[in-house]
Amino acid sequence: MFNFEKLSNHMLHYAKNISTIKTDQVIWGYLACSADSYNGGREKIIRFANGHHVNFIIDDLFDDERKNLHKLIEVAKVNDSLIVTDFAQLGSNLEQLVKILRRILNKEICVYVIGYGKIKNDEKGTFLLDAISLVNSIEVEMRSSAVKKGKQKAKFNSKSYREGRPRRTISDRYLTIYKAVTIKGMSYQEAADMFNVSKSTVYRIKKQIDKLK
């Protein structure tokens, strides 16, 4: 896992709080959290803001798209400040983190990550993004290599191994769908609508059962 803490002393401008800010600048506090963790994160950001007013934007913990964060980036202005409790608030994976951070910095918004430091659109900020991107690329390559090795091992140990999704079990419901198409003459779309499945599922069921004959 990427260790931000080791990099923080070299690339981030460490700050215990926001000490000075111009009156025309806005401080945003962002949380991607559950209802249970909301209050704790909110209090951390308020303390860090050091008496300045904070405009809070919240996304549900399980909203991986972070819709409200993207809206925040759109309305925020140059030199506004964004406070988050940790890097995980800005992305559910390294690739998403880099994309969102790049959007924020390109708009000249200053990011404060509590416990790590201040990130600006400067040489250090660019270096940090490049470092995270590199680690992400390495992790993707390692995962891909592990998957390939796993497949090779499975093929070696089992002659019946096959890639792709496992074959579905032909249940009574699937037989009914099959008969609706082959005996009653329903179209794939009509059968899909009647049994609340996709058209492609109806097609695959028919194809699988036809092969068994």
Protein backbone atom coordinates (compact mmCIF):
# COMPACT_ATOMS: atom_id res chain seq x y z
CA MET A 1 0.00 0.00 0.00
CA PHE A 2 1.27 3.48 -0.91
CA ASN A 3 2.74 5.19 2.17
CA PHE A 4 1.77 8.87 2.02
CA GLU A 5 3.27 9.56 5.43
CA LYS A 6 6.83 8.84 4.27
CA LEU A 7 6.38 11.25 1.37
CA SER A 8 4.69 14.00 3.35
CA ASN A 9 7.86 15.45 4.86
CA HIS A 10 9.42 15.81 1.43
CA MET A 11 6.54 16.82 -0.81
CA LEU A 12 3.75 18.27 1.33
CA HIS A 13 3.71 21.60 3.14
CA TYR A 14 2.77 20.40 6.64
CA ALA A 15 0.19 22.55 8.43
CA LYS A 16 -1.49 22.05 11.81
CA ASN A 17 -4.34 24.36 10.84
CA ILE A 18 -5.34 27.19 8.53
CA SER A 19 -3.84 30.27 10.18
CA THR A 20 -4.52 33.00 7.60
CA ILE A 21 -6.98 33.29 4.76
CA LYS A 22 -8.30 36.18 2.67
CA THR A 23 -11.90 37.25 3.17
CA ASP A 24 -12.86 36.46 -0.44
CA GLN A 25 -11.61 32.88 -0.18
CA VAL A 26 -13.95 30.03 0.70
CA ILE A 27 -13.06 27.05 2.89
CA TRP A 28 -14.71 23.80 1.85
CA GLY A 29 -14.88 20.73 4.06
CA TYR A 30 -15.51 17.46 2.26
CA LEU A 31 -16.50 14.10 3.75
CA ALA A 32 -17.28 10.80 2.07
CA CYS A 33 -18.71 9.09 5.13
CA SER A 34 -21.44 7.10 6.78
CA ALA A 35 -23.89 8.71 9.17
CA ASP A 36 -22.02 7.16 12.09
CA SER A 37 -18.66 8.69 11.16
CA TYR A 38 -19.98 12.10 10.07
CA ASN A 39 -19.66 13.93 13.39
CA GLY A 40 -16.08 12.81 14.06
CA GLY A 41 -14.86 13.89 10.63
CA ARG A 42 -16.76 17.17 10.80
CA GLU A 43 -15.20 18.06 14.17
CA LYS A 44 -11.69 17.35 12.85
CA ILE A 45 -12.22 19.69 9.92
CA ILE A 46 -13.72 22.45 12.11
CA ARG A 47 -10.73 22.31 14.47
CA PHE A 48 -8.33 22.41 11.54
CA ALA A 49 -10.14 25.43 10.06
CA ASN A 50 -9.07 27.34 13.19
CA GLY A 51 -12.19 29.45 13.63
CA HIS A 52 -12.89 30.08 9.94
CA HIS A 53 -16.31 29.23 8.52
CA VAL A 54 -16.43 25.90 6.68
CA ASN A 55 -18.87 25.03 3.90
CA PHE A 56 -19.47 21.30 4.23
CA ILE A 57 -20.13 19.01 1.27
CA ILE A 58 -21.05 15.40 1.99
CA ASP A 59 -21.13 12.24 -0.14
CA ASP A 60 -22.40 8.89 1.01
CA LEU A 61 -19.61 6.51 1.97
CA PHE A 62 -20.67 4.05 -0.72
CA ASP A 63 -21.02 6.61 -3.53
CA ASP A 64 -17.84 5.72 -5.41
CA GLU A 65 -18.57 8.37 -8.07
CA ARG A 66 -18.41 11.16 -5.45
CA LYS A 67 -21.02 13.22 -7.28
CA ASN A 68 -21.13 16.04 -4.73
CA LEU A 69 -17.33 16.35 -4.70
CA HIS A 70 -17.35 16.91 -8.45
CA LYS A 71 -20.06 19.56 -8.02
CA LEU A 72 -17.88 21.21 -5.35
CA ILE A 73 -14.92 21.35 -7.75
CA GLU A 74 -17.12 22.99 -10.38
CA VAL A 75 -18.33 25.81 -8.13
CA ALA A 76 -15.11 26.40 -6.14
CA LYS A 77 -12.96 29.34 -7.20
CA VAL A 78 -9.24 29.91 -7.60
CA ASN A 79 -7.43 30.03 -4.23
CA ASP A 80 -10.33 28.45 -2.33
CA SER A 81 -9.28 25.82 0.23
CA LEU A 82 -10.52 22.24 0.52
CA ILE A 83 -10.04 20.31 3.78
CA VAL A 84 -10.32 16.51 4.01
CA THR A 85 -9.56 14.20 6.91
CA ASP A 86 -7.48 11.79 4.79
CA PHE A 87 -6.61 10.88 1.21
CA ALA A 88 -9.26 8.13 1.09
CA GLN A 89 -11.94 10.85 1.10
CA LEU A 90 -10.87 11.85 -2.41
CA GLY A 91 -10.86 8.44 -4.03
CA SER A 92 -11.76 4.81 -3.46
CA ASN A 93 -8.63 3.75 -5.35
CA LEU A 94 -5.36 5.33 -6.45
CA GLU A 95 -6.51 5.92 -10.03
CA GLN A 96 -9.58 7.85 -8.90
CA LEU A 97 -7.52 9.75 -6.31
CA VAL A 98 -5.09 10.99 -8.99
CA LYS A 99 -7.89 12.07 -11.34
CA ILE A 100 -9.76 14.01 -8.65
CA LEU A 101 -6.63 15.60 -7.18
CA ARG A 102 -5.53 16.68 -10.65
CA ARG A 103 -8.92 18.32 -11.29
CA ILE A 104 -8.70 20.15 -7.96
CA LEU A 105 -5.14 21.39 -8.44
CA ASN A 106 -5.71 22.40 -12.08
CA LYS A 107 -8.39 24.75 -10.78
CA GLU A 108 -5.82 26.25 -8.35
CA ILE A 109 -7.70 25.02 -5.28
CA CYS A 110 -5.50 24.37 -2.25
CA VAL A 111 -6.01 20.99 -0.57
CA TYR A 112 -5.34 20.36 3.11
CA VAL A 113 -5.15 16.71 4.15
CA ILE A 114 -5.33 16.60 7.95
CA GLY A 115 -2.29 14.84 9.39
CA TYR A 116 -0.34 14.99 6.13
CA GLY A 117 -0.18 18.50 4.80
CA LYS A 118 -0.98 21.08 2.17
CA ILE A 119 -1.07 20.29 -1.55
CA LYS A 120 -0.90 23.07 -4.13
CA ASN A 121 -0.57 23.22 -7.88
CA ASP A 122 3.21 23.54 -7.77
CA GLU A 123 6.28 21.39 -8.38
CA LYS A 124 5.77 19.39 -5.18
CA GLY A 125 2.09 18.81 -5.91
CA THR A 126 2.90 17.61 -9.43
CA PHE A 127 5.61 15.31 -8.08
CA LEU A 128 3.14 13.81 -5.59
CA LEU A 129 0.60 13.11 -8.34
CA ASP A 130 3.29 11.51 -10.51
CA ALA A 131 4.40 9.33 -7.59
CA ILE A 132 0.85 8.13 -6.88
CA SER A 133 0.30 7.45 -10.60
CA LEU A 134 3.48 5.38 -10.73
CA VAL A 135 2.48 3.30 -7.71
CA ASN A 136 -0.98 2.76 -9.22
CA SER A 137 0.56 1.53 -12.49
CA ILE A 138 2.79 -0.90 -10.60
CA GLU A 139 -0.16 -2.23 -8.58
CA VAL A 140 -2.23 -2.74 -11.76
CA GLU A 141 0.63 -4.66 -13.40
CA MET A 142 1.11 -6.82 -10.28
CA ARG A 143 -2.61 -7.65 -10.08
CA SER A 144 -2.68 -8.53 -13.78
CA SER A 145 0.37 -10.76 -13.38
CA ALA A 146 -1.18 -12.50 -10.37
CA VAL A 147 -4.40 -13.19 -12.30
CA LYS A 148 -2.45 -14.67 -15.24
CA LYS A 149 -0.43 -16.91 -12.91
CA GLY A 150 -3.63 -18.03 -11.19
CA LYS A 151 -5.21 -19.00 -14.51
CA GLN A 152 -2.10 -20.88 -15.61
CA LYS A 153 -2.03 -22.79 -12.32
CA ALA A 154 -5.73 -23.63 -12.58
CA LYS A 155 -5.32 -24.90 -16.14
CA PHE A 156 -2.36 -27.04 -15.09
CA ASN A 157 -4.19 -28.57 -12.11
CA SER A 158 -7.60 -29.08 -13.71
CA LYS A 159 -8.39 -30.32 -17.21
CA SER A 160 -11.98 -29.13 -16.81
CA TYR A 161 -10.92 -25.53 -16.13
CA ARG A 162 -12.56 -22.92 -18.34
CA GLU A 163 -12.32 -19.13 -18.24
CA GLY A 164 -15.25 -16.76 -18.04
CA ARG A 165 -18.40 -16.88 -15.96
CA PRO A 166 -19.47 -20.31 -14.68
CA ARG A 167 -22.29 -21.98 -16.56
CA ARG A 168 -25.69 -21.24 -15.08
CA THR A 169 -27.71 -24.06 -13.57
CA ILE A 170 -30.80 -24.71 -15.66
CA SER A 171 -33.56 -24.11 -13.14
CA ASP A 172 -37.29 -24.63 -13.63
CA ARG A 173 -37.63 -20.88 -14.16
CA TYR A 174 -35.06 -20.94 -16.96
CA LEU A 175 -36.82 -23.88 -18.57
CA THR A 176 -40.04 -21.87 -18.47
CA ILE A 177 -38.27 -18.95 -20.18
CA TYR A 178 -36.87 -21.35 -22.78
CA LYS A 179 -40.31 -22.81 -23.49
CA ALA A 180 -41.81 -19.32 -23.75
CA VAL A 181 -39.47 -18.60 -26.66
CA THR A 182 -39.33 -22.01 -28.37
CA ILE A 183 -42.87 -23.30 -27.84
CA LYS A 184 -45.07 -20.25 -27.27
CA GLY A 185 -43.19 -18.27 -29.91
CA MET A 186 -42.38 -15.23 -27.77
CA SER A 187 -39.63 -12.91 -28.95
CA TYR A 188 -36.52 -12.55 -26.79
CA GLN A 189 -37.66 -9.10 -25.70
CA GLU A 190 -41.19 -10.27 -24.82
CA ALA A 191 -39.78 -13.10 -22.69
CA ALA A 192 -37.32 -10.74 -21.05
CA ASP A 193 -40.10 -8.32 -20.10
CA MET A 194 -42.37 -11.07 -18.79
CA PHE A 195 -39.73 -12.73 -16.59
CA ASN A 196 -37.90 -9.55 -15.60
CA VAL A 197 -34.52 -10.52 -17.07
CA SER A 198 -32.40 -8.96 -19.79
CA LYS A 199 -32.80 -9.84 -23.44
CA SER A 200 -29.22 -11.14 -23.52
CA THR A 201 -30.01 -13.47 -20.58
CA VAL A 202 -32.90 -15.01 -22.53
CA TYR A 203 -30.58 -15.49 -25.50
CA ARG A 204 -27.90 -17.20 -23.36
CA ILE A 205 -30.45 -19.49 -21.69
CA LYS A 206 -31.75 -20.66 -25.07
CA LYS A 207 -28.24 -21.11 -26.43
CA GLN A 208 -27.13 -23.15 -23.39
CA ILE A 209 -30.17 -25.44 -23.42
CA ASP A 210 -29.92 -25.92 -27.20
CA LYS A 211 -26.34 -27.15 -26.73
CA LEU A 212 -27.51 -29.78 -24.22
CA LYS A 213 -29.80 -31.44 -26.76
